[in-house]
Protein backbone atom coordinates (compact mmCIF):
# COMPACT_ATOMS: atom_id res chain seq x y z
CA UNK A 1 0.00 0.00 0.00
CA UNK A 2 1.54 3.31 -1.04
CA UNK A 3 1.71 6.15 1.45
CA UNK A 4 3.56 4.07 4.05
CA UNK A 5 6.79 5.35 5.60
CA UNK A 6 10.15 3.76 6.28
CA UNK A 7 10.85 3.59 10.01
CA UNK A 8 13.79 5.53 11.41
CA UNK A 9 16.28 3.49 13.41
CA UNK A 10 16.20 3.47 17.23
CA UNK A 11 19.75 4.84 17.23
CA UNK A 12 18.69 7.82 15.12
CA UNK A 13 15.59 8.42 17.27
CA UNK A 14 17.79 8.41 20.36
CA UNK A 15 20.21 10.91 18.85
CA UNK A 16 17.41 13.27 17.84
CA UNK A 17 15.52 13.02 21.12
CA UNK A 18 18.72 13.86 23.00
CA UNK A 19 18.97 17.08 20.99
CA UNK A 20 15.72 18.40 22.43
CA UNK A 21 15.66 22.11 21.68
CA UNK A 22 18.35 21.59 19.02
CA UNK A 23 20.91 23.57 21.01
CA UNK A 24 22.94 20.61 22.32
CA UNK A 25 26.35 20.40 20.71
CA UNK A 26 27.63 17.02 19.56
CA UNK A 27 31.27 16.50 18.63
CA UNK A 28 32.29 13.66 16.33
CA UNK A 29 35.48 11.73 16.94
CA UNK A 30 37.79 12.69 14.08
CA UNK A 31 41.27 11.72 15.24
CA UNK A 32 44.14 13.82 16.48
CA UNK A 33 45.54 15.21 13.23
CA UNK A 34 44.19 18.13 11.24
CA UNK A 35 43.93 19.36 7.66
CA UNK A 36 45.88 22.52 6.81
CA UNK A 37 46.02 23.42 10.50
CA UNK A 38 42.23 23.59 10.75
CA UNK A 39 40.65 23.04 14.14
CA UNK A 40 37.58 21.05 13.04
CA UNK A 41 35.30 23.42 14.88
CA UNK A 42 32.65 22.57 12.30
CA UNK A 43 32.14 19.10 13.77
CA UNK A 44 30.13 20.78 16.54
CA UNK A 45 26.72 20.23 14.96
CA UNK A 46 27.75 17.71 12.35
CA UNK A 47 26.03 14.52 13.50
CA UNK A 48 22.91 16.40 14.54
CA UNK A 49 22.57 17.89 11.04
CA UNK A 50 22.87 14.44 9.49
CA UNK A 51 20.26 12.96 11.83
CA UNK A 52 17.98 15.96 11.26
CA UNK A 53 18.00 15.24 7.51
CA UNK A 54 17.45 11.51 8.11
CA UNK A 55 14.48 12.11 10.38
CA UNK A 56 12.78 14.60 8.06
CA UNK A 57 13.28 12.50 4.91
CA UNK A 58 12.23 9.27 6.64
CA UNK A 59 9.09 10.81 8.08
CA UNK A 60 8.11 12.61 4.87
CA UNK A 61 9.16 10.52 1.87
CA UNK A 62 6.40 8.01 1.13
CA UNK A 63 5.61 5.36 -1.46
CA UNK A 64 3.97 6.75 -4.60
CA UNK A 65 2.25 5.78 -7.84
CA UNK A 66 3.78 6.29 -11.29
CA UNK A 67 2.50 6.22 -14.86
CA UNK A 68 2.61 3.03 -16.89
CA UNK A 69 5.97 2.61 -18.63
CA UNK A 70 7.94 5.03 -16.44
CA UNK A 71 11.67 4.40 -16.76
CA UNK A 72 14.16 3.88 -13.93
CA UNK A 73 15.69 7.33 -14.46
CA UNK A 74 12.24 8.91 -14.26
CA UNK A 75 11.60 7.26 -10.90
CA UNK A 76 15.02 8.31 -9.66
CA UNK A 77 14.41 11.91 -10.72
CA UNK A 78 11.04 11.94 -8.94
CA UNK A 79 12.59 10.69 -5.70
CA UNK A 80 15.46 13.17 -5.94
CA UNK A 81 13.01 16.03 -6.52
CA UNK A 82 10.89 15.00 -3.53
CA UNK A 83 13.93 14.78 -1.26
CA UNK A 84 15.16 18.17 -2.45
CA UNK A 85 11.81 19.72 -1.51
CA UNK A 86 11.82 17.95 1.85
CA UNK A 87 15.31 19.21 2.69
CA UNK A 88 14.50 22.73 1.50
CA UNK A 89 11.73 22.62 4.10
CA UNK A 90 14.32 22.32 6.87
CA UNK A 91 14.55 26.11 6.96
CA UNK A 92 12.04 25.81 9.81
CA UNK A 93 14.71 24.11 11.96
CA UNK A 94 16.66 25.99 14.62
CA UNK A 95 19.80 24.33 13.28
CA UNK A 96 19.43 25.69 9.74
CA UNK A 97 20.15 29.28 8.80
CA UNK A 98 19.63 28.99 5.05
CA UNK A 99 18.48 26.51 2.36
CA UNK A 100 19.89 27.02 -1.14
CA UNK A 101 19.26 25.71 -4.63
CA UNK A 102 22.22 24.03 -6.43
CA UNK A 103 24.84 26.47 -7.67
CA UNK A 104 24.79 25.04 -11.21
CA UNK A 105 23.86 21.94 -13.21
CA UNK A 106 27.37 20.58 -12.65
CA UNK A 107 27.41 21.21 -8.89
CA UNK A 108 27.93 18.27 -6.56
CA UNK A 109 24.77 19.11 -4.60
CA UNK A 110 21.01 18.90 -5.12
CA UNK A 111 20.49 21.32 -2.24
CA UNK A 112 22.65 23.16 0.30
CA UNK A 113 21.98 23.68 4.00
CA UNK A 114 23.92 26.37 5.84
CA UNK A 115 23.80 25.69 9.56
CA UNK A 116 23.70 28.13 12.43
CA UNK A 117 27.38 27.26 12.86
CA UNK A 118 27.94 28.70 9.33
CA UNK A 119 28.92 25.30 7.94
CA UNK A 120 27.92 24.76 4.30
CA UNK A 121 26.42 21.27 3.95
CA UNK A 122 26.17 20.12 0.34
CA UNK A 123 23.56 17.36 -0.01
CA UNK A 124 23.27 14.92 -2.90
CA UNK A 125 20.74 12.11 -3.36
CA UNK A 126 21.57 8.73 -4.87
CA UNK A 127 18.69 6.39 -5.73
CA UNK A 128 18.82 2.66 -6.36
CA UNK A 129 16.29 0.29 -7.89
CA UNK A 130 16.73 -2.94 -5.91
CA UNK A 131 15.72 -4.96 -8.99
CA UNK A 132 18.33 -3.42 -11.29
CA UNK A 133 20.89 -5.79 -12.80
CA UNK A 134 23.76 -3.29 -12.67
CA UNK A 135 24.37 -0.17 -10.62
CA UNK A 136 27.69 1.69 -10.31
CA UNK A 137 26.77 5.28 -9.48
CA UNK A 138 29.21 8.16 -9.68
CA UNK A 139 29.56 10.18 -6.49
CA UNK A 140 31.72 13.08 -7.65
CA UNK A 141 35.21 13.84 -8.95
CA UNK A 142 38.14 13.19 -6.64
CA UNK A 143 39.36 16.74 -7.30
CA UNK A 144 36.12 18.23 -5.99
CA UNK A 145 36.34 15.97 -2.95
CA UNK A 146 39.93 17.07 -2.31
CA UNK A 147 39.00 20.75 -2.36
CA UNK A 148 35.98 20.15 -0.14
CA UNK A 149 37.87 18.14 2.47
CA UNK A 150 40.56 20.81 2.72
CA UNK A 151 37.92 23.38 3.67
CA UNK A 152 36.73 22.99 7.25
CA UNK A 153 33.67 25.16 6.55
CA UNK A 154 32.13 22.64 4.14
CA UNK A 155 30.78 19.10 4.21
CA UNK A 156 29.18 16.68 1.73
CA UNK A 157 26.22 14.52 2.72
CA UNK A 158 24.70 11.70 0.67
CA UNK A 159 21.10 10.57 0.96
CA UNK A 160 20.91 6.97 -0.26
CA UNK A 161 17.42 5.75 -1.18
CA UNK A 162 16.65 2.19 -2.27
CA UNK A 163 13.26 1.55 -3.86
CA UNK A 164 11.24 -1.17 -5.55
CA UNK A 165 8.90 -0.65 -8.50
CA UNK A 166 5.98 -3.05 -8.85
CA UNK A 167 2.55 -2.63 -10.48
CA UNK A 168 3.22 1.10 -10.99
CA UNK A 169 3.82 1.57 -7.26
CA UNK A 170 7.22 2.78 -6.06
CA UNK A 171 7.94 1.46 -2.58
CA UNK A 172 10.69 3.09 -0.55
CA UNK A 173 12.81 0.26 0.85
CA UNK A 174 15.64 1.96 2.72
CA UNK A 175 16.95 5.44 3.50
CA UNK A 176 20.50 6.12 4.72
CA UNK A 177 22.14 9.51 5.26
CA UNK A 178 25.94 9.60 5.46
CA UNK A 179 28.84 12.02 5.13
CA UNK A 180 31.17 11.15 2.27
CA UNK A 181 33.91 10.16 4.72
CA UNK A 182 31.56 7.59 6.28
CA UNK A 183 31.48 5.52 3.07
CA UNK A 184 33.93 2.64 3.46
CA UNK A 185 36.58 2.19 0.78
CA UNK A 186 35.69 -1.50 0.50
CA UNK A 187 32.73 -0.44 -1.68
CA UNK A 188 34.41 2.43 -3.54
CA UNK A 189 36.47 2.66 -6.73
CA UNK A 190 37.94 5.44 -8.86
CA UNK A 191 36.63 5.49 -12.40
CA UNK A 192 38.54 6.77 -15.44
CA UNK A 193 36.74 10.02 -16.02
CA UNK A 194 38.64 13.29 -16.02
CA UNK A 195 41.07 13.35 -13.07
CA UNK A 196 39.18 10.46 -11.52
CA UNK A 197 35.59 9.88 -10.46
CA UNK A 198 34.75 8.32 -7.10
CA UNK A 199 32.15 5.59 -7.62
CA UNK A 200 30.27 3.01 -5.59
CA UNK A 201 31.39 -0.33 -7.04
CA UNK A 202 28.06 -2.11 -6.82
CA UNK A 203 24.88 -0.64 -5.33
CA UNK A 204 23.25 -4.07 -5.55
CA UNK A 205 25.40 -5.11 -2.60
CA UNK A 206 24.96 -3.93 0.98
CA UNK A 207 26.48 -0.50 1.57
CA UNK A 208 29.36 -0.51 4.06
CA UNK A 209 30.10 2.47 6.28
CA UNK A 210 32.95 3.44 8.58
CA UNK A 211 33.41 5.53 11.73
CA UNK A 212 37.13 6.16 11.21
CA UNK A 213 36.59 9.91 10.76
CA UNK A 214 37.30 12.52 8.13
CA UNK A 215 41.08 12.77 8.56
CA UNK A 216 41.81 9.05 8.28
CA UNK A 217 39.37 8.67 5.38
CA UNK A 218 41.02 11.52 3.48
CA UNK A 219 44.46 9.94 3.90
CA UNK A 220 43.12 6.71 2.39
CA UNK A 221 41.59 8.66 -0.49
CA UNK A 222 44.91 10.33 -1.25
CA UNK A 223 46.60 6.92 -1.36
CA UNK A 224 43.89 5.53 -3.67
CA UNK A 225 44.15 8.52 -6.02
CA UNK A 226 47.94 8.19 -6.23
CA UNK A 227 47.47 4.52 -7.11
CA UNK A 228 44.92 5.47 -9.75
CA UNK A 229 47.25 7.99 -11.40
CA UNK A 230 50.18 5.54 -11.32
CA UNK A 231 48.03 2.93 -13.06
CA UNK A 232 47.17 5.50 -15.72
CA UNK A 233 50.84 6.34 -16.21
CA UNK A 234 51.71 2.65 -16.53
CA UNK A 235 48.97 2.13 -19.11
CA UNK A 236 50.05 5.17 -21.13
CA UNK A 237 53.66 3.96 -21.15
CA UNK A 238 52.49 0.55 -22.32
CA UNK A 239 50.36 2.11 -25.08
CA UNK A 240 53.35 4.21 -26.22
CA UNK A 241 55.37 1.07 -26.88
CA UNK A 242 52.89 -0.09 -29.50
CA UNK A 243 53.87 2.97 -31.60
CA UNK A 244 57.60 2.33 -31.67
C-alpha atoms as a PDB file:
ATOM      1  CA  UNK A   1       0.000   0.000   0.000  1.00  0.00           C
ATOM      2  CA  UNK A   2       1.541   3.307  -1.039  1.00  0.00           C
ATOM      3  CA  UNK A   3       1.712   6.153   1.452  1.00  0.00           C
ATOM      4  CA  UNK A   4       3.560   4.065   4.047  1.00  0.00           C
ATOM      5  CA  UNK A   5       6.786   5.348   5.602  1.00  0.00           C
ATOM      6  CA  UNK A   6      10.153   3.763   6.283  1.00  0.00           C
ATOM      7  CA  UNK A   7      10.849   3.593  10.006  1.00  0.00           C
ATOM      8  CA  UNK A   8      13.786   5.526  11.411  1.00  0.00           C
ATOM      9  CA  UNK A   9      16.280   3.491  13.414  1.00  0.00           C
ATOM     10  CA  UNK A  10      16.196   3.468  17.228  1.00  0.00           C
ATOM     11  CA  UNK A  11      19.750   4.842  17.235  1.00  0.00           C
ATOM     12  CA  UNK A  12      18.689   7.824  15.124  1.00  0.00           C
ATOM     13  CA  UNK A  13      15.594   8.421  17.271  1.00  0.00           C
ATOM     14  CA  UNK A  14      17.792   8.407  20.359  1.00  0.00           C
ATOM     15  CA  UNK A  15      20.206  10.915  18.853  1.00  0.00           C
ATOM     16  CA  UNK A  16      17.408  13.275  17.845  1.00  0.00           C
ATOM     17  CA  UNK A  17      15.519  13.023  21.125  1.00  0.00           C
ATOM     18  CA  UNK A  18      18.719  13.855  22.999  1.00  0.00           C
ATOM     19  CA  UNK A  19      18.973  17.083  20.994  1.00  0.00           C
ATOM     20  CA  UNK A  20      15.715  18.405  22.431  1.00  0.00           C
ATOM     21  CA  UNK A  21      15.660  22.114  21.676  1.00  0.00           C
ATOM     22  CA  UNK A  22      18.353  21.592  19.018  1.00  0.00           C
ATOM     23  CA  UNK A  23      20.913  23.565  21.015  1.00  0.00           C
ATOM     24  CA  UNK A  24      22.941  20.613  22.324  1.00  0.00           C
ATOM     25  CA  UNK A  25      26.354  20.396  20.709  1.00  0.00           C
ATOM     26  CA  UNK A  26      27.627  17.018  19.560  1.00  0.00           C
ATOM     27  CA  UNK A  27      31.268  16.496  18.631  1.00  0.00           C
ATOM     28  CA  UNK A  28      32.287  13.660  16.327  1.00  0.00           C
ATOM     29  CA  UNK A  29      35.482  11.731  16.940  1.00  0.00           C
ATOM     30  CA  UNK A  30      37.792  12.692  14.081  1.00  0.00           C
ATOM     31  CA  UNK A  31      41.272  11.721  15.242  1.00  0.00           C
ATOM     32  CA  UNK A  32      44.139  13.825  16.485  1.00  0.00           C
ATOM     33  CA  UNK A  33      45.539  15.209  13.233  1.00  0.00           C
ATOM     34  CA  UNK A  34      44.191  18.134  11.241  1.00  0.00           C
ATOM     35  CA  UNK A  35      43.929  19.363   7.660  1.00  0.00           C
ATOM     36  CA  UNK A  36      45.884  22.524   6.814  1.00  0.00           C
ATOM     37  CA  UNK A  37      46.017  23.423  10.503  1.00  0.00           C
ATOM     38  CA  UNK A  38      42.235  23.595  10.747  1.00  0.00           C
ATOM     39  CA  UNK A  39      40.648  23.037  14.141  1.00  0.00           C
ATOM     40  CA  UNK A  40      37.576  21.047  13.037  1.00  0.00           C
ATOM     41  CA  UNK A  41      35.295  23.424  14.879  1.00  0.00           C
ATOM     42  CA  UNK A  42      32.649  22.573  12.302  1.00  0.00           C
ATOM     43  CA  UNK A  43      32.138  19.097  13.774  1.00  0.00           C
ATOM     44  CA  UNK A  44      30.125  20.782  16.541  1.00  0.00           C
ATOM     45  CA  UNK A  45      26.715  20.229  14.957  1.00  0.00           C
ATOM     46  CA  UNK A  46      27.751  17.710  12.346  1.00  0.00           C
ATOM     47  CA  UNK A  47      26.029  14.520  13.500  1.00  0.00           C
ATOM     48  CA  UNK A  48      22.912  16.398  14.542  1.00  0.00           C
ATOM     49  CA  UNK A  49      22.568  17.893  11.040  1.00  0.00           C
ATOM     50  CA  UNK A  50      22.871  14.443   9.491  1.00  0.00           C
ATOM     51  CA  UNK A  51      20.255  12.965  11.832  1.00  0.00           C
ATOM     52  CA  UNK A  52      17.976  15.957  11.259  1.00  0.00           C
ATOM     53  CA  UNK A  53      17.998  15.235   7.513  1.00  0.00           C
ATOM     54  CA  UNK A  54      17.448  11.511   8.106  1.00  0.00           C
ATOM     55  CA  UNK A  55      14.481  12.113  10.385  1.00  0.00           C
ATOM     56  CA  UNK A  56      12.781  14.604   8.055  1.00  0.00           C
ATOM     57  CA  UNK A  57      13.285  12.504   4.912  1.00  0.00           C
ATOM     58  CA  UNK A  58      12.235   9.274   6.637  1.00  0.00           C
ATOM     59  CA  UNK A  59       9.089  10.810   8.079  1.00  0.00           C
ATOM     60  CA  UNK A  60       8.105  12.612   4.867  1.00  0.00           C
ATOM     61  CA  UNK A  61       9.164  10.520   1.866  1.00  0.00           C
ATOM     62  CA  UNK A  62       6.403   8.008   1.129  1.00  0.00           C
ATOM     63  CA  UNK A  63       5.607   5.356  -1.462  1.00  0.00           C
ATOM     64  CA  UNK A  64       3.967   6.753  -4.601  1.00  0.00           C
ATOM     65  CA  UNK A  65       2.251   5.776  -7.841  1.00  0.00           C
ATOM     66  CA  UNK A  66       3.778   6.291 -11.293  1.00  0.00           C
ATOM     67  CA  UNK A  67       2.502   6.218 -14.864  1.00  0.00           C
ATOM     68  CA  UNK A  68       2.610   3.032 -16.889  1.00  0.00           C
ATOM     69  CA  UNK A  69       5.967   2.607 -18.631  1.00  0.00           C
ATOM     70  CA  UNK A  70       7.938   5.029 -16.437  1.00  0.00           C
ATOM     71  CA  UNK A  71      11.666   4.401 -16.755  1.00  0.00           C
ATOM     72  CA  UNK A  72      14.162   3.882 -13.927  1.00  0.00           C
ATOM     73  CA  UNK A  73      15.693   7.331 -14.458  1.00  0.00           C
ATOM     74  CA  UNK A  74      12.240   8.909 -14.262  1.00  0.00           C
ATOM     75  CA  UNK A  75      11.596   7.259 -10.896  1.00  0.00           C
ATOM     76  CA  UNK A  76      15.023   8.311  -9.655  1.00  0.00           C
ATOM     77  CA  UNK A  77      14.410  11.906 -10.718  1.00  0.00           C
ATOM     78  CA  UNK A  78      11.039  11.937  -8.944  1.00  0.00           C
ATOM     79  CA  UNK A  79      12.586  10.691  -5.701  1.00  0.00           C
ATOM     80  CA  UNK A  80      15.459  13.174  -5.944  1.00  0.00           C
ATOM     81  CA  UNK A  81      13.014  16.027  -6.518  1.00  0.00           C
ATOM     82  CA  UNK A  82      10.892  15.000  -3.532  1.00  0.00           C
ATOM     83  CA  UNK A  83      13.935  14.778  -1.262  1.00  0.00           C
ATOM     84  CA  UNK A  84      15.159  18.166  -2.448  1.00  0.00           C
ATOM     85  CA  UNK A  85      11.808  19.721  -1.515  1.00  0.00           C
ATOM     86  CA  UNK A  86      11.824  17.951   1.850  1.00  0.00           C
ATOM     87  CA  UNK A  87      15.308  19.208   2.693  1.00  0.00           C
ATOM     88  CA  UNK A  88      14.497  22.729   1.496  1.00  0.00           C
ATOM     89  CA  UNK A  89      11.730  22.615   4.097  1.00  0.00           C
ATOM     90  CA  UNK A  90      14.322  22.320   6.869  1.00  0.00           C
ATOM     91  CA  UNK A  91      14.546  26.110   6.956  1.00  0.00           C
ATOM     92  CA  UNK A  92      12.037  25.813   9.809  1.00  0.00           C
ATOM     93  CA  UNK A  93      14.706  24.112  11.960  1.00  0.00           C
ATOM     94  CA  UNK A  94      16.657  25.994  14.619  1.00  0.00           C
ATOM     95  CA  UNK A  95      19.800  24.327  13.282  1.00  0.00           C
ATOM     96  CA  UNK A  96      19.435  25.688   9.742  1.00  0.00           C
ATOM     97  CA  UNK A  97      20.150  29.280   8.796  1.00  0.00           C
ATOM     98  CA  UNK A  98      19.630  28.992   5.050  1.00  0.00           C
ATOM     99  CA  UNK A  99      18.485  26.511   2.359  1.00  0.00           C
ATOM    100  CA  UNK A 100      19.895  27.024  -1.137  1.00  0.00           C
ATOM    101  CA  UNK A 101      19.261  25.712  -4.629  1.00  0.00           C
ATOM    102  CA  UNK A 102      22.224  24.029  -6.430  1.00  0.00           C
ATOM    103  CA  UNK A 103      24.842  26.473  -7.670  1.00  0.00           C
ATOM    104  CA  UNK A 104      24.786  25.037 -11.213  1.00  0.00           C
ATOM    105  CA  UNK A 105      23.855  21.937 -13.208  1.00  0.00           C
ATOM    106  CA  UNK A 106      27.368  20.581 -12.648  1.00  0.00           C
ATOM    107  CA  UNK A 107      27.409  21.208  -8.894  1.00  0.00           C
ATOM    108  CA  UNK A 108      27.927  18.268  -6.563  1.00  0.00           C
ATOM    109  CA  UNK A 109      24.774  19.112  -4.604  1.00  0.00           C
ATOM    110  CA  UNK A 110      21.012  18.903  -5.122  1.00  0.00           C
ATOM    111  CA  UNK A 111      20.490  21.318  -2.240  1.00  0.00           C
ATOM    112  CA  UNK A 112      22.648  23.163   0.301  1.00  0.00           C
ATOM    113  CA  UNK A 113      21.980  23.684   3.998  1.00  0.00           C
ATOM    114  CA  UNK A 114      23.917  26.366   5.840  1.00  0.00           C
ATOM    115  CA  UNK A 115      23.798  25.688   9.558  1.00  0.00           C
ATOM    116  CA  UNK A 116      23.695  28.135  12.435  1.00  0.00           C
ATOM    117  CA  UNK A 117      27.378  27.263  12.862  1.00  0.00           C
ATOM    118  CA  UNK A 118      27.943  28.698   9.325  1.00  0.00           C
ATOM    119  CA  UNK A 119      28.915  25.296   7.939  1.00  0.00           C
ATOM    120  CA  UNK A 120      27.923  24.759   4.303  1.00  0.00           C
ATOM    121  CA  UNK A 121      26.422  21.273   3.952  1.00  0.00           C
ATOM    122  CA  UNK A 122      26.175  20.117   0.335  1.00  0.00           C
ATOM    123  CA  UNK A 123      23.562  17.363  -0.008  1.00  0.00           C
ATOM    124  CA  UNK A 124      23.270  14.921  -2.900  1.00  0.00           C
ATOM    125  CA  UNK A 125      20.736  12.109  -3.357  1.00  0.00           C
ATOM    126  CA  UNK A 126      21.573   8.727  -4.870  1.00  0.00           C
ATOM    127  CA  UNK A 127      18.695   6.387  -5.729  1.00  0.00           C
ATOM    128  CA  UNK A 128      18.820   2.659  -6.362  1.00  0.00           C
ATOM    129  CA  UNK A 129      16.293   0.290  -7.895  1.00  0.00           C
ATOM    130  CA  UNK A 130      16.728  -2.944  -5.911  1.00  0.00           C
ATOM    131  CA  UNK A 131      15.719  -4.961  -8.987  1.00  0.00           C
ATOM    132  CA  UNK A 132      18.325  -3.425 -11.293  1.00  0.00           C
ATOM    133  CA  UNK A 133      20.887  -5.789 -12.797  1.00  0.00           C
ATOM    134  CA  UNK A 134      23.763  -3.294 -12.675  1.00  0.00           C
ATOM    135  CA  UNK A 135      24.368  -0.167 -10.618  1.00  0.00           C
ATOM    136  CA  UNK A 136      27.688   1.687 -10.311  1.00  0.00           C
ATOM    137  CA  UNK A 137      26.766   5.282  -9.476  1.00  0.00           C
ATOM    138  CA  UNK A 138      29.206   8.156  -9.677  1.00  0.00           C
ATOM    139  CA  UNK A 139      29.563  10.177  -6.490  1.00  0.00           C
ATOM    140  CA  UNK A 140      31.723  13.079  -7.646  1.00  0.00           C
ATOM    141  CA  UNK A 141      35.213  13.839  -8.950  1.00  0.00           C
ATOM    142  CA  UNK A 142      38.144  13.195  -6.635  1.00  0.00           C
ATOM    143  CA  UNK A 143      39.361  16.738  -7.296  1.00  0.00           C
ATOM    144  CA  UNK A 144      36.116  18.229  -5.990  1.00  0.00           C
ATOM    145  CA  UNK A 145      36.343  15.974  -2.953  1.00  0.00           C
ATOM    146  CA  UNK A 146      39.933  17.068  -2.310  1.00  0.00           C
ATOM    147  CA  UNK A 147      39.005  20.751  -2.360  1.00  0.00           C
ATOM    148  CA  UNK A 148      35.983  20.151  -0.143  1.00  0.00           C
ATOM    149  CA  UNK A 149      37.870  18.136   2.475  1.00  0.00           C
ATOM    150  CA  UNK A 150      40.559  20.807   2.721  1.00  0.00           C
ATOM    151  CA  UNK A 151      37.921  23.378   3.674  1.00  0.00           C
ATOM    152  CA  UNK A 152      36.730  22.989   7.255  1.00  0.00           C
ATOM    153  CA  UNK A 153      33.671  25.156   6.555  1.00  0.00           C
ATOM    154  CA  UNK A 154      32.130  22.638   4.136  1.00  0.00           C
ATOM    155  CA  UNK A 155      30.781  19.096   4.209  1.00  0.00           C
ATOM    156  CA  UNK A 156      29.185  16.679   1.730  1.00  0.00           C
ATOM    157  CA  UNK A 157      26.223  14.518   2.724  1.00  0.00           C
ATOM    158  CA  UNK A 158      24.697  11.703   0.673  1.00  0.00           C
ATOM    159  CA  UNK A 159      21.101  10.572   0.959  1.00  0.00           C
ATOM    160  CA  UNK A 160      20.909   6.966  -0.261  1.00  0.00           C
ATOM    161  CA  UNK A 161      17.424   5.752  -1.176  1.00  0.00           C
ATOM    162  CA  UNK A 162      16.649   2.187  -2.270  1.00  0.00           C
ATOM    163  CA  UNK A 163      13.265   1.553  -3.862  1.00  0.00           C
ATOM    164  CA  UNK A 164      11.241  -1.167  -5.547  1.00  0.00           C
ATOM    165  CA  UNK A 165       8.901  -0.654  -8.497  1.00  0.00           C
ATOM    166  CA  UNK A 166       5.976  -3.049  -8.853  1.00  0.00           C
ATOM    167  CA  UNK A 167       2.549  -2.634 -10.483  1.00  0.00           C
ATOM    168  CA  UNK A 168       3.224   1.103 -10.993  1.00  0.00           C
ATOM    169  CA  UNK A 169       3.816   1.573  -7.261  1.00  0.00           C
ATOM    170  CA  UNK A 170       7.216   2.785  -6.061  1.00  0.00           C
ATOM    171  CA  UNK A 171       7.940   1.456  -2.579  1.00  0.00           C
ATOM    172  CA  UNK A 172      10.692   3.086  -0.552  1.00  0.00           C
ATOM    173  CA  UNK A 173      12.808   0.262   0.846  1.00  0.00           C
ATOM    174  CA  UNK A 174      15.635   1.964   2.717  1.00  0.00           C
ATOM    175  CA  UNK A 175      16.954   5.439   3.499  1.00  0.00           C
ATOM    176  CA  UNK A 176      20.497   6.125   4.723  1.00  0.00           C
ATOM    177  CA  UNK A 177      22.140   9.510   5.258  1.00  0.00           C
ATOM    178  CA  UNK A 178      25.940   9.601   5.460  1.00  0.00           C
ATOM    179  CA  UNK A 179      28.840  12.017   5.127  1.00  0.00           C
ATOM    180  CA  UNK A 180      31.168  11.145   2.270  1.00  0.00           C
ATOM    181  CA  UNK A 181      33.908  10.165   4.716  1.00  0.00           C
ATOM    182  CA  UNK A 182      31.565   7.591   6.283  1.00  0.00           C
ATOM    183  CA  UNK A 183      31.483   5.517   3.071  1.00  0.00           C
ATOM    184  CA  UNK A 184      33.930   2.638   3.464  1.00  0.00           C
ATOM    185  CA  UNK A 185      36.584   2.186   0.779  1.00  0.00           C
ATOM    186  CA  UNK A 186      35.687  -1.495   0.499  1.00  0.00           C
ATOM    187  CA  UNK A 187      32.726  -0.441  -1.683  1.00  0.00           C
ATOM    188  CA  UNK A 188      34.414   2.432  -3.537  1.00  0.00           C
ATOM    189  CA  UNK A 189      36.468   2.657  -6.729  1.00  0.00           C
ATOM    190  CA  UNK A 190      37.939   5.439  -8.858  1.00  0.00           C
ATOM    191  CA  UNK A 191      36.630   5.489 -12.403  1.00  0.00           C
ATOM    192  CA  UNK A 192      38.542   6.769 -15.435  1.00  0.00           C
ATOM    193  CA  UNK A 193      36.737  10.023 -16.022  1.00  0.00           C
ATOM    194  CA  UNK A 194      38.642  13.286 -16.021  1.00  0.00           C
ATOM    195  CA  UNK A 195      41.069  13.352 -13.074  1.00  0.00           C
ATOM    196  CA  UNK A 196      39.185  10.462 -11.517  1.00  0.00           C
ATOM    197  CA  UNK A 197      35.589   9.881 -10.456  1.00  0.00           C
ATOM    198  CA  UNK A 198      34.745   8.318  -7.104  1.00  0.00           C
ATOM    199  CA  UNK A 199      32.149   5.591  -7.622  1.00  0.00           C
ATOM    200  CA  UNK A 200      30.273   3.005  -5.595  1.00  0.00           C
ATOM    201  CA  UNK A 201      31.395  -0.325  -7.041  1.00  0.00           C
ATOM    202  CA  UNK A 202      28.057  -2.115  -6.815  1.00  0.00           C
ATOM    203  CA  UNK A 203      24.885  -0.637  -5.330  1.00  0.00           C
ATOM    204  CA  UNK A 204      23.245  -4.069  -5.545  1.00  0.00           C
ATOM    205  CA  UNK A 205      25.401  -5.111  -2.603  1.00  0.00           C
ATOM    206  CA  UNK A 206      24.960  -3.930   0.977  1.00  0.00           C
ATOM    207  CA  UNK A 207      26.483  -0.502   1.568  1.00  0.00           C
ATOM    208  CA  UNK A 208      29.357  -0.510   4.058  1.00  0.00           C
ATOM    209  CA  UNK A 209      30.096   2.468   6.282  1.00  0.00           C
ATOM    210  CA  UNK A 210      32.947   3.445   8.580  1.00  0.00           C
ATOM    211  CA  UNK A 211      33.413   5.526  11.732  1.00  0.00           C
ATOM    212  CA  UNK A 212      37.128   6.160  11.208  1.00  0.00           C
ATOM    213  CA  UNK A 213      36.590   9.909  10.765  1.00  0.00           C
ATOM    214  CA  UNK A 214      37.298  12.519   8.130  1.00  0.00           C
ATOM    215  CA  UNK A 215      41.081  12.769   8.557  1.00  0.00           C
ATOM    216  CA  UNK A 216      41.815   9.047   8.285  1.00  0.00           C
ATOM    217  CA  UNK A 217      39.371   8.669   5.378  1.00  0.00           C
ATOM    218  CA  UNK A 218      41.015  11.517   3.479  1.00  0.00           C
ATOM    219  CA  UNK A 219      44.459   9.939   3.904  1.00  0.00           C
ATOM    220  CA  UNK A 220      43.125   6.711   2.386  1.00  0.00           C
ATOM    221  CA  UNK A 221      41.587   8.660  -0.493  1.00  0.00           C
ATOM    222  CA  UNK A 222      44.909  10.325  -1.254  1.00  0.00           C
ATOM    223  CA  UNK A 223      46.604   6.917  -1.365  1.00  0.00           C
ATOM    224  CA  UNK A 224      43.891   5.530  -3.674  1.00  0.00           C
ATOM    225  CA  UNK A 225      44.152   8.524  -6.015  1.00  0.00           C
ATOM    226  CA  UNK A 226      47.942   8.190  -6.232  1.00  0.00           C
ATOM    227  CA  UNK A 227      47.471   4.523  -7.111  1.00  0.00           C
ATOM    228  CA  UNK A 228      44.918   5.470  -9.746  1.00  0.00           C
ATOM    229  CA  UNK A 229      47.254   7.993 -11.397  1.00  0.00           C
ATOM    230  CA  UNK A 230      50.176   5.540 -11.324  1.00  0.00           C
ATOM    231  CA  UNK A 231      48.028   2.929 -13.059  1.00  0.00           C
ATOM    232  CA  UNK A 232      47.165   5.498 -15.723  1.00  0.00           C
ATOM    233  CA  UNK A 233      50.840   6.342 -16.213  1.00  0.00           C
ATOM    234  CA  UNK A 234      51.712   2.645 -16.530  1.00  0.00           C
ATOM    235  CA  UNK A 235      48.972   2.134 -19.113  1.00  0.00           C
ATOM    236  CA  UNK A 236      50.049   5.167 -21.130  1.00  0.00           C
ATOM    237  CA  UNK A 237      53.661   3.960 -21.146  1.00  0.00           C
ATOM    238  CA  UNK A 238      52.487   0.547 -22.325  1.00  0.00           C
ATOM    239  CA  UNK A 239      50.361   2.111 -25.077  1.00  0.00           C
ATOM    240  CA  UNK A 240      53.345   4.210 -26.219  1.00  0.00           C
ATOM    241  CA  UNK A 241      55.374   1.074 -26.884  1.00  0.00           C
ATOM    242  CA  UNK A 242      52.891  -0.088 -29.500  1.00  0.00           C
ATOM    243  CA  UNK A 243      53.867   2.966 -31.597  1.00  0.00           C
ATOM    244  CA  UNK A 244      57.603   2.334 -31.673  1.00  0.00           C
END
